[in-house]
């Protein structure tokens, strides 16, 4: 029997970092989306072994949260899938 999956959202840095690290993820940016002045590009969470391989570049949490706050983003995420398994679903949305 499946259960309904629900999403949550947060802007809390500690909560985001804990959710990501619990799932083995790392803060990243899409390669080629930053500029030459060292500005961080499009934010993503990289889960090694998934679709981001070769497309994402790891960044520090400091760089990640600086861009996150500058861009006025909110982190939308899911703890469990509909069938109760740990979820990696996440998305960045405007506040």
N, C-alpha and C. Protein backbone atom coordinates (compact mmCIF):
# COMPACT_ATOMS: atom_id res chain seq x y z
N UNK A 1 0.84 -1.17 0.00
CA UNK A 1 0.00 0.00 0.00
C UNK A 1 0.89 1.24 0.00
N UNK A 2 0.61 2.17 -0.89
CA UNK A 2 1.43 3.37 -0.95
C UNK A 2 0.81 4.47 -0.11
N UNK A 3 1.67 5.36 0.33
CA UNK A 3 1.21 6.51 1.09
C UNK A 3 1.44 7.75 0.24
N UNK A 4 0.78 8.81 0.57
CA UNK A 4 0.95 10.05 -0.16
C UNK A 4 2.28 10.70 0.21
N UNK A 5 3.03 11.12 -0.80
CA UNK A 5 4.28 11.82 -0.52
C UNK A 5 3.99 13.31 -0.39
N UNK A 6 4.72 13.95 0.49
CA UNK A 6 4.52 15.38 0.68
C UNK A 6 5.85 16.11 0.56
N UNK A 7 5.78 17.34 0.15
CA UNK A 7 6.97 18.17 0.02
C UNK A 7 6.96 19.23 1.11
N UNK A 8 8.15 19.66 1.47
CA UNK A 8 8.33 20.73 2.44
C UNK A 8 9.22 21.78 1.79
N UNK A 9 9.28 22.95 2.38
CA UNK A 9 10.21 23.96 1.88
C UNK A 9 10.85 24.68 3.06
N UNK A 10 12.05 25.19 2.81
CA UNK A 10 12.79 25.88 3.86
C UNK A 10 13.80 26.84 3.25
N UNK A 11 14.23 27.79 4.06
CA UNK A 11 15.35 28.65 3.71
C UNK A 11 16.47 28.50 4.75
N UNK A 12 16.26 27.61 5.71
CA UNK A 12 17.21 27.39 6.80
C UNK A 12 18.44 26.63 6.31
N UNK A 13 19.59 27.27 6.38
CA UNK A 13 20.83 26.68 5.88
C UNK A 13 21.16 25.35 6.55
N UNK A 14 21.01 25.27 7.87
CA UNK A 14 21.33 24.04 8.58
C UNK A 14 20.42 22.89 8.17
N UNK A 15 19.15 23.19 7.99
CA UNK A 15 18.18 22.17 7.59
C UNK A 15 18.49 21.65 6.18
N UNK A 16 18.82 22.56 5.27
CA UNK A 16 19.15 22.17 3.90
C UNK A 16 20.40 21.30 3.89
N UNK A 17 21.44 21.76 4.56
CA UNK A 17 22.71 21.02 4.60
C UNK A 17 22.51 19.63 5.19
N UNK A 18 21.76 19.52 6.27
CA UNK A 18 21.52 18.23 6.91
C UNK A 18 20.77 17.28 5.97
N UNK A 19 19.74 17.78 5.27
CA UNK A 19 18.96 16.96 4.35
C UNK A 19 19.85 16.44 3.23
N UNK A 20 20.65 17.32 2.65
CA UNK A 20 21.53 16.97 1.54
C UNK A 20 22.58 15.95 1.98
N UNK A 21 23.28 16.23 3.08
CA UNK A 21 24.36 15.35 3.52
C UNK A 21 23.85 13.99 3.97
N UNK A 22 22.66 13.92 4.54
CA UNK A 22 22.08 12.64 4.94
C UNK A 22 21.91 11.72 3.74
N UNK A 23 21.72 12.30 2.56
CA UNK A 23 21.50 11.54 1.33
C UNK A 23 22.77 11.41 0.49
N UNK A 24 23.90 11.86 1.03
CA UNK A 24 25.18 11.74 0.33
C UNK A 24 25.40 12.79 -0.74
N UNK A 25 24.61 13.86 -0.71
CA UNK A 25 24.73 14.90 -1.73
C UNK A 25 25.75 15.96 -1.37
N UNK A 26 26.08 16.77 -2.37
CA UNK A 26 27.02 17.86 -2.20
C UNK A 26 26.50 19.09 -2.95
N UNK A 27 26.83 20.29 -2.46
CA UNK A 27 26.41 21.50 -3.17
C UNK A 27 27.17 21.60 -4.49
N UNK A 28 26.47 22.02 -5.53
CA UNK A 28 27.09 22.09 -6.85
C UNK A 28 26.48 23.20 -7.68
N UNK A 29 27.16 23.49 -8.79
CA UNK A 29 26.66 24.43 -9.78
C UNK A 29 26.72 23.75 -11.14
N UNK A 30 25.86 24.15 -12.04
CA UNK A 30 25.87 23.60 -13.39
C UNK A 30 27.08 24.19 -14.12
N UNK A 31 27.93 23.31 -14.67
CA UNK A 31 29.13 23.77 -15.37
C UNK A 31 28.76 24.73 -16.49
N UNK A 32 29.52 25.82 -16.58
CA UNK A 32 29.34 26.77 -17.67
C UNK A 32 28.26 27.82 -17.44
N UNK A 33 27.64 27.83 -16.24
CA UNK A 33 26.58 28.81 -15.99
C UNK A 33 27.04 30.00 -15.16
N UNK A 34 28.23 29.92 -14.59
CA UNK A 34 28.78 31.06 -13.85
C UNK A 34 29.49 31.98 -14.83
N UNK A 35 29.94 33.13 -14.35
CA UNK A 35 30.68 34.01 -15.24
C UNK A 35 32.16 34.05 -14.86
N UNK A 36 32.92 34.73 -15.67
CA UNK A 36 34.38 34.78 -15.48
C UNK A 36 34.80 35.51 -14.21
N UNK A 37 33.89 36.27 -13.61
CA UNK A 37 34.22 37.02 -12.40
C UNK A 37 34.01 36.18 -11.14
N UNK A 38 34.01 34.86 -11.30
CA UNK A 38 33.89 33.94 -10.17
C UNK A 38 32.50 33.90 -9.56
N UNK A 39 31.48 34.38 -10.29
CA UNK A 39 30.12 34.30 -9.77
C UNK A 39 29.60 32.87 -9.94
N UNK A 40 28.97 32.37 -8.91
CA UNK A 40 28.43 31.03 -8.91
C UNK A 40 27.27 30.93 -9.89
N UNK A 41 27.22 29.84 -10.64
CA UNK A 41 26.17 29.63 -11.62
C UNK A 41 24.91 29.03 -11.01
N UNK A 42 24.16 28.33 -11.83
CA UNK A 42 22.89 27.73 -11.41
C UNK A 42 23.14 26.66 -10.35
N UNK A 43 22.43 26.76 -9.24
CA UNK A 43 22.62 25.83 -8.13
C UNK A 43 21.94 24.49 -8.37
N UNK A 44 22.59 23.45 -7.91
CA UNK A 44 22.04 22.10 -7.93
C UNK A 44 22.61 21.35 -6.72
N UNK A 45 22.00 20.22 -6.42
CA UNK A 45 22.55 19.29 -5.45
C UNK A 45 23.05 18.09 -6.25
N UNK A 46 24.30 17.72 -6.04
CA UNK A 46 24.88 16.60 -6.77
C UNK A 46 24.85 15.36 -5.89
N UNK A 47 24.16 14.35 -6.38
CA UNK A 47 24.15 13.05 -5.73
C UNK A 47 25.01 12.14 -6.60
N UNK A 48 26.25 11.85 -6.17
CA UNK A 48 27.15 11.05 -6.99
C UNK A 48 26.49 9.75 -7.46
N UNK A 49 26.73 9.44 -8.75
CA UNK A 49 26.16 8.23 -9.33
C UNK A 49 24.82 8.46 -10.00
N UNK A 50 24.34 9.70 -9.98
CA UNK A 50 23.06 10.03 -10.62
C UNK A 50 23.31 10.90 -11.85
N UNK A 51 22.32 11.54 -12.37
CA UNK A 51 22.37 12.22 -13.66
C UNK A 51 23.30 13.44 -13.76
N UNK A 52 23.81 13.94 -12.67
CA UNK A 52 24.65 15.14 -12.73
C UNK A 52 26.08 14.90 -13.13
N UNK A 53 26.49 13.66 -13.27
CA UNK A 53 27.88 13.35 -13.55
C UNK A 53 28.36 14.03 -14.83
N UNK A 54 29.45 14.77 -14.72
CA UNK A 54 30.02 15.47 -15.85
C UNK A 54 29.37 16.81 -16.15
N UNK A 55 28.23 17.08 -15.54
CA UNK A 55 27.50 18.32 -15.81
C UNK A 55 27.59 19.30 -14.64
N UNK A 56 27.94 18.79 -13.47
CA UNK A 56 27.96 19.60 -12.26
C UNK A 56 29.36 19.77 -11.72
N UNK A 57 29.58 20.88 -11.06
CA UNK A 57 30.86 21.17 -10.44
C UNK A 57 30.62 21.44 -8.95
N UNK A 58 31.31 20.71 -8.10
CA UNK A 58 31.14 20.89 -6.65
C UNK A 58 31.61 22.27 -6.22
N UNK A 59 30.85 22.88 -5.30
CA UNK A 59 31.22 24.16 -4.70
C UNK A 59 31.15 24.02 -3.19
N UNK A 60 31.64 25.02 -2.48
CA UNK A 60 31.58 24.97 -1.01
C UNK A 60 30.18 25.33 -0.54
N UNK A 61 29.88 24.94 0.68
CA UNK A 61 28.59 25.34 1.26
C UNK A 61 28.51 26.86 1.36
N UNK A 62 29.63 27.50 1.64
CA UNK A 62 29.64 28.97 1.74
C UNK A 62 29.23 29.60 0.41
N UNK A 63 29.83 29.13 -0.69
CA UNK A 63 29.47 29.64 -2.02
C UNK A 63 28.00 29.34 -2.33
N UNK A 64 27.59 28.14 -1.99
CA UNK A 64 26.22 27.71 -2.25
C UNK A 64 25.21 28.62 -1.56
N UNK A 65 25.39 28.84 -0.26
CA UNK A 65 24.42 29.63 0.49
C UNK A 65 24.49 31.12 0.15
N UNK A 66 25.66 31.59 -0.26
CA UNK A 66 25.76 32.98 -0.71
C UNK A 66 24.88 33.18 -1.95
N UNK A 67 25.00 32.29 -2.92
CA UNK A 67 24.19 32.36 -4.14
C UNK A 67 22.71 32.12 -3.82
N UNK A 68 22.43 31.18 -2.94
CA UNK A 68 21.06 30.84 -2.53
C UNK A 68 20.36 32.08 -1.98
N UNK A 69 21.03 32.79 -1.07
CA UNK A 69 20.45 33.98 -0.45
C UNK A 69 20.37 35.15 -1.44
N UNK A 70 21.42 35.36 -2.23
CA UNK A 70 21.44 36.43 -3.24
C UNK A 70 20.27 36.28 -4.22
N UNK A 71 19.99 35.04 -4.57
CA UNK A 71 18.95 34.75 -5.55
C UNK A 71 17.55 34.67 -4.94
N UNK A 72 17.48 34.87 -3.62
CA UNK A 72 16.20 34.85 -2.92
C UNK A 72 15.45 33.53 -3.16
N UNK A 73 16.17 32.43 -2.95
CA UNK A 73 15.61 31.11 -3.20
C UNK A 73 15.07 30.45 -1.95
N UNK A 74 14.28 29.44 -2.20
CA UNK A 74 13.71 28.58 -1.17
C UNK A 74 14.00 27.15 -1.63
N UNK A 75 14.24 26.24 -0.70
CA UNK A 75 14.55 24.85 -1.02
C UNK A 75 13.29 24.01 -0.81
N UNK A 76 12.80 23.44 -1.90
CA UNK A 76 11.64 22.56 -1.87
C UNK A 76 12.18 21.13 -1.88
N UNK A 77 11.72 20.29 -0.97
CA UNK A 77 12.27 18.94 -0.87
C UNK A 77 11.23 17.95 -0.36
N UNK A 78 11.56 16.69 -0.53
CA UNK A 78 10.68 15.60 -0.10
C UNK A 78 11.51 14.64 0.75
N UNK A 79 10.99 14.27 1.92
CA UNK A 79 11.71 13.33 2.78
C UNK A 79 11.55 11.88 2.32
N UNK A 80 10.33 11.51 1.96
CA UNK A 80 10.03 10.12 1.58
C UNK A 80 9.26 10.09 0.26
N UNK A 81 9.49 9.05 -0.52
CA UNK A 81 8.72 8.84 -1.74
C UNK A 81 7.34 8.32 -1.37
N UNK A 82 6.46 8.21 -2.34
CA UNK A 82 5.11 7.71 -2.08
C UNK A 82 5.11 6.30 -1.51
N UNK A 83 6.15 5.52 -1.85
CA UNK A 83 6.21 4.15 -1.32
C UNK A 83 7.06 4.04 -0.04
N UNK A 84 7.38 5.21 0.57
CA UNK A 84 8.05 5.22 1.87
C UNK A 84 9.56 5.19 1.85
N UNK A 85 10.17 5.18 0.67
CA UNK A 85 11.63 5.16 0.59
C UNK A 85 12.18 6.59 0.72
N UNK A 86 13.45 6.67 1.11
CA UNK A 86 14.09 7.97 1.23
C UNK A 86 14.11 8.67 -0.12
N UNK A 87 13.70 9.91 -0.16
CA UNK A 87 13.63 10.67 -1.41
C UNK A 87 14.81 11.61 -1.57
N UNK A 88 15.21 11.82 -2.81
CA UNK A 88 16.24 12.80 -3.14
C UNK A 88 15.63 13.98 -3.89
N UNK A 89 14.30 13.98 -4.03
CA UNK A 89 13.65 15.06 -4.77
C UNK A 89 13.91 16.40 -4.11
N UNK A 90 14.39 17.35 -4.90
CA UNK A 90 14.57 18.72 -4.43
C UNK A 90 14.50 19.67 -5.60
N UNK A 91 14.19 20.91 -5.28
CA UNK A 91 14.06 21.94 -6.30
C UNK A 91 14.26 23.30 -5.65
N UNK A 92 14.85 24.21 -6.40
CA UNK A 92 15.01 25.58 -5.91
C UNK A 92 13.92 26.43 -6.53
N UNK A 93 13.18 27.15 -5.69
CA UNK A 93 12.10 28.01 -6.15
C UNK A 93 12.25 29.40 -5.54
N UNK A 94 11.63 30.38 -6.18
CA UNK A 94 11.66 31.74 -5.64
C UNK A 94 10.87 31.81 -4.35
N UNK A 95 11.34 32.66 -3.43
CA UNK A 95 10.63 32.84 -2.16
C UNK A 95 9.34 33.57 -2.37
